[in-house]
Amino acid sequence: MGPDDKVVHDAPLPPYRQLAEILRARVQRGDWLPNKPLPSELQLAGTYDVARGTVRRAIGLLIEDGILFTVPHRGTYVSERGHRKEAPTP
């Protein structure tokens, strides 16, 4: 984790959106590999000092974007698509 990997609770951007961007950045820089599980919701909540519901909303956004996927009773995983670094647009 870097110095910018903190959720600022009084920022204009809601905490779940901040967390989604933090998790997206961690996936893109290779902190979590494709088809490998993320830490549990409770672990992420503790790490980022947010509620479990905040973690769920953030993960939900990343699932919608194809970055993550869930396996029932197993956890949340990084998708192949989520791990690829996108080329910058000209």
PDB file of N, CA and C in Angstrom:
ATOM      1  N   MET A   1       0.838  -1.182   0.000  1.00  0.00           N
ATOM      2  CA  MET A   1       0.000   0.000   0.000  1.00  0.00           C
ATOM      3  C   MET A   1       0.878   1.240   0.000  1.00  0.00           C
ATOM      4  N   GLY A   2       0.409   2.240  -0.693  1.00  0.00           N
ATOM      5  CA  GLY A   2       1.132   3.491  -0.741  1.00  0.00           C
ATOM      6  C   GLY A   2       0.464   4.542   0.122  1.00  0.00           C
ATOM      7  N   PRO A   3       1.031   5.736   0.157  1.00  0.00           N
ATOM      8  CA  PRO A   3       0.480   6.800   1.006  1.00  0.00           C
ATOM      9  C   PRO A   3      -0.899   7.276   0.540  1.00  0.00           C
ATOM     10  N   ASP A   4      -1.242   7.058  -0.718  1.00  0.00           N
ATOM     11  CA  ASP A   4      -2.543   7.497  -1.221  1.00  0.00           C
ATOM     12  C   ASP A   4      -3.624   6.429  -1.049  1.00  0.00           C
ATOM     13  N   ASP A   5      -3.278   5.321  -0.424  1.00  0.00           N
ATOM     14  CA  ASP A   5      -4.218   4.215  -0.263  1.00  0.00           C
ATOM     15  C   ASP A   5      -5.024   4.353   1.021  1.00  0.00           C
ATOM     16  N   LYS A   6      -5.573   5.535   1.241  1.00  0.00           N
ATOM     17  CA  LYS A   6      -6.388   5.773   2.429  1.00  0.00           C
ATOM     18  C   LYS A   6      -7.727   6.344   2.008  1.00  0.00           C
ATOM     19  N   VAL A   7      -8.755   5.920   2.702  1.00  0.00           N
ATOM     20  CA  VAL A   7     -10.085   6.480   2.480  1.00  0.00           C
ATOM     21  C   VAL A   7     -10.210   7.701   3.386  1.00  0.00           C
ATOM     22  N   VAL A   8     -10.536   8.824   2.781  1.00  0.00           N
ATOM     23  CA  VAL A   8     -10.713  10.073   3.521  1.00  0.00           C
ATOM     24  C   VAL A   8     -12.207  10.237   3.771  1.00  0.00           C
ATOM     25  N   HIS A   9     -12.603  10.074   5.010  1.00  0.00           N
ATOM     26  CA  HIS A   9     -14.026  10.012   5.335  1.00  0.00           C
ATOM     27  C   HIS A   9     -14.777  11.325   5.122  1.00  0.00           C
ATOM     28  N   ASP A  10     -14.084  12.449   5.147  1.00  0.00           N
ATOM     29  CA  ASP A  10     -14.781  13.730   4.949  1.00  0.00           C
ATOM     30  C   ASP A  10     -14.525  14.332   3.564  1.00  0.00           C
ATOM     31  N   ALA A  11     -14.070  13.508   2.631  1.00  0.00           N
ATOM     32  CA  ALA A  11     -13.835  13.962   1.256  1.00  0.00           C
ATOM     33  C   ALA A  11     -15.159  14.028   0.500  1.00  0.00           C
ATOM     34  N   PRO A  12     -15.213  14.820  -0.584  1.00  0.00           N
ATOM     35  CA  PRO A  12     -16.452  14.907  -1.368  1.00  0.00           C
ATOM     36  C   PRO A  12     -16.845  13.578  -2.032  1.00  0.00           C
ATOM     37  N   LEU A  13     -15.870  12.763  -2.405  1.00  0.00           N
ATOM     38  CA  LEU A  13     -16.143  11.474  -3.035  1.00  0.00           C
ATOM     39  C   LEU A  13     -16.523  10.478  -1.940  1.00  0.00           C
ATOM     40  N   PRO A  14     -17.644   9.767  -2.099  1.00  0.00           N
ATOM     41  CA  PRO A  14     -18.067   8.820  -1.067  1.00  0.00           C
ATOM     42  C   PRO A  14     -16.991   7.761  -0.794  1.00  0.00           C
ATOM     43  N   PRO A  15     -16.917   7.284   0.453  1.00  0.00           N
ATOM     44  CA  PRO A  15     -15.890   6.294   0.804  1.00  0.00           C
ATOM     45  C   PRO A  15     -15.893   5.047  -0.078  1.00  0.00           C
ATOM     46  N   TYR A  16     -17.059   4.549  -0.479  1.00  0.00           N
ATOM     47  CA  TYR A  16     -17.065   3.331  -1.294  1.00  0.00           C
ATOM     48  C   TYR A  16     -16.442   3.577  -2.661  1.00  0.00           C
ATOM     49  N   ARG A  17     -16.614   4.783  -3.205  1.00  0.00           N
ATOM     50  CA  ARG A  17     -15.985   5.094  -4.497  1.00  0.00           C
ATOM     51  C   ARG A  17     -14.472   5.268  -4.336  1.00  0.00           C
ATOM     52  N   GLN A  18     -14.057   5.887  -3.244  1.00  0.00           N
ATOM     53  CA  GLN A  18     -12.621   6.001  -2.976  1.00  0.00           C
ATOM     54  C   GLN A  18     -11.993   4.619  -2.858  1.00  0.00           C
ATOM     55  N   LEU A  19     -12.661   3.752  -2.107  1.00  0.00           N
ATOM     56  CA  LEU A  19     -12.137   2.408  -1.919  1.00  0.00           C
ATOM     57  C   LEU A  19     -12.099   1.638  -3.231  1.00  0.00           C
ATOM     58  N   ALA A  20     -13.116   1.800  -4.053  1.00  0.00           N
ATOM     59  CA  ALA A  20     -13.122   1.125  -5.356  1.00  0.00           C
ATOM     60  C   ALA A  20     -11.902   1.552  -6.177  1.00  0.00           C
ATOM     61  N   GLU A  21     -11.568   2.830  -6.148  1.00  0.00           N
ATOM     62  CA  GLU A  21     -10.410   3.309  -6.906  1.00  0.00           C
ATOM     63  C   GLU A  21      -9.101   2.781  -6.316  1.00  0.00           C
ATOM     64  N   ILE A  22      -9.035   2.689  -4.998  1.00  0.00           N
ATOM     65  CA  ILE A  22      -7.844   2.131  -4.354  1.00  0.00           C
ATOM     66  C   ILE A  22      -7.669   0.669  -4.754  1.00  0.00           C
ATOM     67  N   LEU A  23      -8.765  -0.098  -4.677  1.00  0.00           N
ATOM     68  CA  LEU A  23      -8.683  -1.517  -5.029  1.00  0.00           C
ATOM     69  C   LEU A  23      -8.354  -1.705  -6.499  1.00  0.00           C
ATOM     70  N   ARG A  24      -8.949  -0.869  -7.365  1.00  0.00           N
ATOM     71  CA  ARG A  24      -8.647  -0.931  -8.796  1.00  0.00           C
ATOM     72  C   ARG A  24      -7.152  -0.694  -9.040  1.00  0.00           C
ATOM     73  N   ALA A  25      -6.599   0.296  -8.376  1.00  0.00           N
ATOM     74  CA  ALA A  25      -5.175   0.609  -8.543  1.00  0.00           C
ATOM     75  C   ALA A  25      -4.309  -0.549  -8.056  1.00  0.00           C
ATOM     76  N   ARG A  26      -4.699  -1.167  -6.957  1.00  0.00           N
ATOM     77  CA  ARG A  26      -3.920  -2.297  -6.441  1.00  0.00           C
ATOM     78  C   ARG A  26      -3.949  -3.478  -7.405  1.00  0.00           C
ATOM     79  N   VAL A  27      -5.092  -3.723  -8.020  1.00  0.00           N
ATOM     80  CA  VAL A  27      -5.186  -4.792  -9.014  1.00  0.00           C
ATOM     81  C   VAL A  27      -4.294  -4.461 -10.201  1.00  0.00           C
ATOM     82  N   GLN A  28      -4.375  -3.238 -10.685  1.00  0.00           N
ATOM     83  CA  GLN A  28      -3.615  -2.850 -11.874  1.00  0.00           C
ATOM     84  C   GLN A  28      -2.116  -2.855 -11.646  1.00  0.00           C
ATOM     85  N   ARG A  29      -1.684  -2.592 -10.426  1.00  0.00           N
ATOM     86  CA  ARG A  29      -0.237  -2.623 -10.184  1.00  0.00           C
ATOM     87  C   ARG A  29       0.256  -4.016  -9.792  1.00  0.00           C
ATOM     88  N   GLY A  30      -0.660  -4.995  -9.760  1.00  0.00           N
ATOM     89  CA  GLY A  30      -0.259  -6.374  -9.559  1.00  0.00           C
ATOM     90  C   GLY A  30      -0.199  -6.842  -8.117  1.00  0.00           C
ATOM     91  N   ASP A  31      -0.799  -6.088  -7.193  1.00  0.00           N
ATOM     92  CA  ASP A  31      -0.820  -6.534  -5.800  1.00  0.00           C
ATOM     93  C   ASP A  31      -1.598  -7.838  -5.650  1.00  0.00           C
ATOM     94  N   TRP A  32      -2.623  -8.020  -6.468  1.00  0.00           N
ATOM     95  CA  TRP A  32      -3.420  -9.246  -6.488  1.00  0.00           C
ATOM     96  C   TRP A  32      -3.422  -9.764  -7.915  1.00  0.00           C
ATOM     97  N   LEU A  33      -3.187 -11.035  -8.087  1.00  0.00           N
ATOM     98  CA  LEU A  33      -3.051 -11.626  -9.413  1.00  0.00           C
ATOM     99  C   LEU A  33      -4.370 -12.212  -9.909  1.00  0.00           C
ATOM    100  N   PRO A  34      -4.504 -12.377 -11.237  1.00  0.00           N
ATOM    101  CA  PRO A  34      -5.731 -12.946 -11.808  1.00  0.00           C
ATOM    102  C   PRO A  34      -6.043 -14.318 -11.205  1.00  0.00           C
ATOM    103  N   ASN A  35      -7.325 -14.532 -10.986  1.00  0.00           N
ATOM    104  CA  ASN A  35      -7.852 -15.790 -10.450  1.00  0.00           C
ATOM    105  C   ASN A  35      -7.367 -16.113  -9.048  1.00  0.00           C
ATOM    106  N   LYS A  36      -6.840 -15.126  -8.359  1.00  0.00           N
ATOM    107  CA  LYS A  36      -6.435 -15.271  -6.959  1.00  0.00           C
ATOM    108  C   LYS A  36      -7.385 -14.438  -6.107  1.00  0.00           C
ATOM    109  N   PRO A  37      -7.684 -14.908  -4.893  1.00  0.00           N
ATOM    110  CA  PRO A  37      -8.658 -14.185  -4.071  1.00  0.00           C
ATOM    111  C   PRO A  37      -8.102 -12.911  -3.463  1.00  0.00           C
ATOM    112  N   LEU A  38      -8.995 -11.945  -3.305  1.00  0.00           N
ATOM    113  CA  LEU A  38      -8.704 -10.755  -2.531  1.00  0.00           C
ATOM    114  C   LEU A  38      -8.827 -11.121  -1.060  1.00  0.00           C
ATOM    115  N   PRO A  39      -8.308 -10.280  -0.172  1.00  0.00           N
ATOM    116  CA  PRO A  39      -8.586 -10.493   1.249  1.00  0.00           C
ATOM    117  C   PRO A  39     -10.105 -10.447   1.481  1.00  0.00           C
ATOM    118  N   SER A  40     -10.546 -10.978   2.586  1.00  0.00           N
ATOM    119  CA  SER A  40     -11.979 -11.004   2.899  1.00  0.00           C
ATOM    120  C   SER A  40     -12.517  -9.584   3.092  1.00  0.00           C
ATOM    121  N   GLU A  41     -13.826  -9.467   3.030  1.00  0.00           N
ATOM    122  CA  GLU A  41     -14.467  -8.168   3.268  1.00  0.00           C
ATOM    123  C   GLU A  41     -14.072  -7.617   4.630  1.00  0.00           C
ATOM    124  N   LEU A  42     -14.047  -8.471   5.643  1.00  0.00           N
ATOM    125  CA  LEU A  42     -13.679  -8.017   6.986  1.00  0.00           C
ATOM    126  C   LEU A  42     -12.227  -7.547   7.047  1.00  0.00           C
ATOM    127  N   GLN A  43     -11.341  -8.254   6.354  1.00  0.00           N
ATOM    128  CA  GLN A  43      -9.939  -7.830   6.320  1.00  0.00           C
ATOM    129  C   GLN A  43      -9.800  -6.483   5.622  1.00  0.00           C
ATOM    130  N   LEU A  44     -10.483  -6.317   4.482  1.00  0.00           N
ATOM    131  CA  LEU A  44     -10.415  -5.046   3.761  1.00  0.00           C
ATOM    132  C   LEU A  44     -11.018  -3.918   4.596  1.00  0.00           C
ATOM    133  N   ALA A  45     -12.113  -4.199   5.276  1.00  0.00           N
ATOM    134  CA  ALA A  45     -12.742  -3.175   6.130  1.00  0.00           C
ATOM    135  C   ALA A  45     -11.766  -2.723   7.210  1.00  0.00           C
ATOM    136  N   GLY A  46     -11.060  -3.665   7.808  1.00  0.00           N
ATOM    137  CA  GLY A  46     -10.085  -3.319   8.835  1.00  0.00           C
ATOM    138  C   GLY A  46      -8.892  -2.567   8.274  1.00  0.00           C
ATOM    139  N   THR A  47      -8.416  -3.001   7.134  1.00  0.00           N
ATOM    140  CA  THR A  47      -7.256  -2.363   6.504  1.00  0.00           C
ATOM    141  C   THR A  47      -7.534  -0.907   6.162  1.00  0.00           C
ATOM    142  N   TYR A  48      -8.732  -0.642   5.645  1.00  0.00           N
ATOM    143  CA  TYR A  48      -9.052   0.707   5.162  1.00  0.00           C
ATOM    144  C   TYR A  48      -9.938   1.497   6.122  1.00  0.00           C
ATOM    145  N   ASP A  49     -10.210   0.932   7.306  1.00  0.00           N
ATOM    146  CA  ASP A  49     -10.996   1.612   8.335  1.00  0.00           C
ATOM    147  C   ASP A  49     -12.354   2.072   7.812  1.00  0.00           C
ATOM    148  N   VAL A  50     -13.054   1.140   7.194  1.00  0.00           N
ATOM    149  CA  VAL A  50     -14.394   1.405   6.669  1.00  0.00           C
ATOM    150  C   VAL A  50     -15.326   0.274   7.112  1.00  0.00           C
ATOM    151  N   ALA A  51     -16.611   0.482   6.938  1.00  0.00           N
ATOM    152  CA  ALA A  51     -17.598  -0.546   7.273  1.00  0.00           C
ATOM    153  C   ALA A  51     -17.601  -1.642   6.206  1.00  0.00           C
ATOM    154  N   ARG A  52     -18.063  -2.805   6.599  1.00  0.00           N
ATOM    155  CA  ARG A  52     -18.143  -3.923   5.658  1.00  0.00           C
ATOM    156  C   ARG A  52     -19.056  -3.580   4.478  1.00  0.00           C
ATOM    157  N   GLY A  53     -20.111  -2.840   4.720  1.00  0.00           N
ATOM    158  CA  GLY A  53     -21.007  -2.416   3.644  1.00  0.00           C
ATOM    159  C   GLY A  53     -20.302  -1.536   2.623  1.00  0.00           C
ATOM    160  N   THR A  54     -19.372  -0.725   3.093  1.00  0.00           N
ATOM    161  CA  THR A  54     -18.579   0.118   2.187  1.00  0.00           C
ATOM    162  C   THR A  54     -17.721  -0.760   1.280  1.00  0.00           C
ATOM    163  N   VAL A  55     -17.140  -1.796   1.856  1.00  0.00           N
ATOM    164  CA  VAL A  55     -16.325  -2.736   1.068  1.00  0.00           C
ATOM    165  C   VAL A  55     -17.211  -3.421   0.030  1.00  0.00           C
ATOM    166  N   ARG A  56     -18.385  -3.860   0.439  1.00  0.00           N
ATOM    167  CA  ARG A  56     -19.284  -4.536  -0.496  1.00  0.00           C
ATOM    168  C   ARG A  56     -19.672  -3.636  -1.662  1.00  0.00           C
ATOM    169  N   ARG A  57     -19.970  -2.378  -1.373  1.00  0.00           N
ATOM    170  CA  ARG A  57     -20.341  -1.453  -2.455  1.00  0.00           C
ATOM    171  C   ARG A  57     -19.172  -1.225  -3.401  1.00  0.00           C
ATOM    172  N   ALA A  58     -17.969  -1.082  -2.851  1.00  0.00           N
ATOM    173  CA  ALA A  58     -16.777  -0.872  -3.686  1.00  0.00           C
ATOM    174  C   ALA A  58     -16.531  -2.093  -4.568  1.00  0.00           C
ATOM    175  N   ILE A  59     -16.616  -3.274  -3.984  1.00  0.00           N
ATOM    176  CA  ILE A  59     -16.424  -4.500  -4.749  1.00  0.00           C
ATOM    177  C   ILE A  59     -17.499  -4.621  -5.821  1.00  0.00           C
ATOM    178  N   GLY A  60     -18.728  -4.248  -5.489  1.00  0.00           N
ATOM    179  CA  GLY A  60     -19.815  -4.292  -6.467  1.00  0.00           C
ATOM    180  C   GLY A  60     -19.522  -3.449  -7.696  1.00  0.00           C
ATOM    181  N   LEU A  61     -18.949  -2.269  -7.485  1.00  0.00           N
ATOM    182  CA  LEU A  61     -18.583  -1.413  -8.625  1.00  0.00           C
ATOM    183  C   LEU A  61     -17.539  -2.093  -9.508  1.00  0.00           C
ATOM    184  N   LEU A  62     -16.577  -2.731  -8.873  1.00  0.00           N
ATOM    185  CA  LEU A  62     -15.508  -3.372  -9.636  1.00  0.00           C
ATOM    186  C   LEU A  62     -15.987  -4.642 -10.326  1.00  0.00           C
ATOM    187  N   ILE A  63     -16.971  -5.299  -9.766  1.00  0.00           N
ATOM    188  CA  ILE A  63     -17.577  -6.441 -10.449  1.00  0.00           C
ATOM    189  C   ILE A  63     -18.308  -5.956 -11.690  1.00  0.00           C
ATOM    190  N   GLU A  64     -19.060  -4.860 -11.558  1.00  0.00           N
ATOM    191  CA  GLU A  64     -19.766  -4.278 -12.711  1.00  0.00           C
ATOM    192  C   GLU A  64     -18.793  -3.901 -13.818  1.00  0.00           C
ATOM    193  N   ASP A  65     -17.612  -3.449 -13.452  1.00  0.00           N
ATOM    194  CA  ASP A  65     -16.598  -3.047 -14.435  1.00  0.00           C
ATOM    195  C   ASP A  65     -15.786  -4.221 -14.977  1.00  0.00           C
ATOM    196  N   GLY A  66     -16.030  -5.423 -14.450  1.00  0.00           N
ATOM    197  CA  GLY A  66     -15.304  -6.594 -14.932  1.00  0.00           C
ATOM    198  C   GLY A  66     -13.915  -6.763 -14.342  1.00  0.00           C
ATOM    199  N   ILE A  67     -13.598  -6.002 -13.320  1.00  0.00           N
ATOM    200  CA  ILE A  67     -12.281  -6.071 -12.687  1.00  0.00           C
ATOM    201  C   ILE A  67     -12.200  -7.273 -11.738  1.00  0.00           C
ATOM    202  N   LEU A  68     -13.318  -7.518 -11.046  1.00  0.00           N
ATOM    203  CA  LEU A  68     -13.400  -8.599 -10.068  1.00  0.00           C
ATOM    204  C   LEU A  68     -14.572  -9.506 -10.398  1.00  0.00           C
ATOM    205  N   PHE A  69     -14.565 -10.696  -9.809  1.00  0.00           N
ATOM    206  CA  PHE A  69     -15.725 -11.582  -9.877  1.00  0.00           C
ATOM    207  C   PHE A  69     -15.811 -12.341  -8.560  1.00  0.00           C
ATOM    208  N   THR A  70     -16.992 -12.826  -8.233  1.00  0.00           N
ATOM    209  CA  THR A  70     -17.153 -13.581  -7.004  1.00  0.00           C
ATOM    210  C   THR A  70     -17.486 -15.028  -7.309  1.00  0.00           C
ATOM    211  N   VAL A  71     -17.071 -15.884  -6.419  1.00  0.00           N
ATOM    212  CA  VAL A  71     -17.426 -17.297  -6.457  1.00  0.00           C
ATOM    213  C   VAL A  71     -18.180 -17.553  -5.150  1.00  0.00           C
ATOM    214  N   PRO A  72     -19.441 -17.955  -5.238  1.00  0.00           N
ATOM    215  CA  PRO A  72     -20.216 -18.163  -4.014  1.00  0.00           C
ATOM    216  C   PRO A  72     -19.492 -19.081  -3.017  1.00  0.00           C
ATOM    217  N   HIS A  73     -19.472 -18.652  -1.785  1.00  0.00           N
ATOM    218  CA  HIS A  73     -18.863 -19.378  -0.670  1.00  0.00           C
ATOM    219  C   HIS A  73     -17.348 -19.512  -0.781  1.00  0.00           C
ATOM    220  N   ARG A  74     -16.757 -18.803  -1.717  1.00  0.00           N
ATOM    221  CA  ARG A  74     -15.302 -18.864  -1.902  1.00  0.00           C
ATOM    222  C   ARG A  74     -14.644 -17.491  -1.745  1.00  0.00           C
ATOM    223  N   GLY A  75     -15.272 -16.441  -2.267  1.00  0.00           N
ATOM    224  CA  GLY A  75     -14.691 -15.116  -2.144  1.00  0.00           C
ATOM    225  C   GLY A  75     -14.725 -14.328  -3.431  1.00  0.00           C
ATOM    226  N   THR A  76     -13.959 -13.263  -3.427  1.00  0.00           N
ATOM    227  CA  THR A  76     -13.864 -12.346  -4.560  1.00  0.00           C
ATOM    228  C   THR A  76     -12.482 -12.489  -5.179  1.00  0.00           C
ATOM    229  N   TYR A  77     -12.468 -12.547  -6.502  1.00  0.00           N
ATOM    230  CA  TYR A  77     -11.229 -12.809  -7.246  1.00  0.00           C
ATOM    231  C   TYR A  77     -11.000 -11.739  -8.306  1.00  0.00           C
ATOM    232  N   VAL A  78      -9.735 -11.613  -8.715  1.00  0.00           N
ATOM    233  CA  VAL A  78      -9.365 -10.698  -9.792  1.00  0.00           C
ATOM    234  C   VAL A  78      -9.623 -11.402 -11.117  1.00  0.00           C
ATOM    235  N   SER A  79     -10.291 -10.718 -12.029  1.00  0.00           N
ATOM    236  CA  SER A  79     -10.528 -11.285 -13.352  1.00  0.00           C
ATOM    237  C   SER A  79      -9.300 -11.079 -14.230  1.00  0.00           C
ATOM    238  N   GLU A  80      -9.215 -11.853 -15.282  1.00  0.00           N
ATOM    239  CA  GLU A  80      -8.122 -11.670 -16.250  1.00  0.00           C
ATOM    240  C   GLU A  80      -8.179 -10.262 -16.828  1.00  0.00           C
ATOM    241  N   ARG A  81      -9.380  -9.816 -17.149  1.00  0.00           N
ATOM    242  CA  ARG A  81      -9.564  -8.485 -17.726  1.00  0.00           C
ATOM    243  C   ARG A  81      -9.127  -7.399 -16.752  1.00  0.00           C
ATOM    244  N   GLY A  82      -9.421  -7.605 -15.481  1.00  0.00           N
ATOM    245  CA  GLY A  82      -9.105  -6.608 -14.470  1.00  0.00           C
ATOM    246  C   GLY A  82      -7.629  -6.401 -14.273  1.00  0.00           C
ATOM    247  N   HIS A  83      -6.867  -7.433 -14.541  1.00  0.00           N
ATOM    248  CA  HIS A  83      -5.439  -7.348 -14.288  1.00  0.00           C
ATOM    249  C   HIS A  83      -4.674  -6.687 -15.423  1.00  0.00           C
ATOM    250  N   ARG A  84      -5.246  -6.691 -16.618  1.00  0.00           N
ATOM    251  CA  ARG A  84      -4.548  -6.079 -17.750  1.00  0.00           C
ATOM    252  C   ARG A  84      -4.478  -4.572 -17.583  1.00  0.00           C
ATOM    253  N   LYS A  85      -3.342  -4.048 -17.880  1.00  0.00           N
ATOM    254  CA  LYS A  85      -3.179  -2.602 -17.868  1.00  0.00           C
ATOM    255  C   LYS A  85      -3.668  -2.061 -19.197  1.00  0.00           C
ATOM    256  N   GLU A  86      -4.531  -1.087 -19.107  1.00  0.00           N
ATOM    257  CA  GLU A  86      -5.082  -0.522 -20.332  1.00  0.00           C
ATOM    258  C   GLU A  86      -4.108   0.481 -20.929  1.00  0.00           C
ATOM    259  N   ALA A  87      -4.018   0.460 -22.233  1.00  0.00           N
ATOM    260  CA  ALA A  87      -3.137   1.397 -22.928  1.00  0.00           C
ATOM    261  C   ALA A  87      -3.698   2.815 -22.800  1.00  0.00           C
ATOM    262  N   PRO A  88      -2.817   3.797 -22.608  1.00  0.00           N
ATOM    263  CA  PRO A  88      -3.308   5.168 -22.512  1.00  0.00           C
ATOM    264  C   PRO A  88      -3.925   5.620 -23.824  1.00  0.00           C
ATOM    265  N   THR A  89      -4.979   6.392 -23.722  1.00  0.00           N
ATOM    266  CA  THR A  89      -5.616   6.916 -24.920  1.00  0.00           C
ATOM    267  C   THR A  89      -4.871   8.142 -25.389  1.00  0.00           C
ATOM    268  N   PRO A  90      -4.684   8.253 -26.705  1.00  0.00           N
ATOM    269  CA  PRO A  90      -3.912   9.400 -27.242  1.00  0.00           C
ATOM    270  C   PRO A  90      -4.642  10.703 -27.072  1.00  0.00           C
TER     271      PRO A  90
END
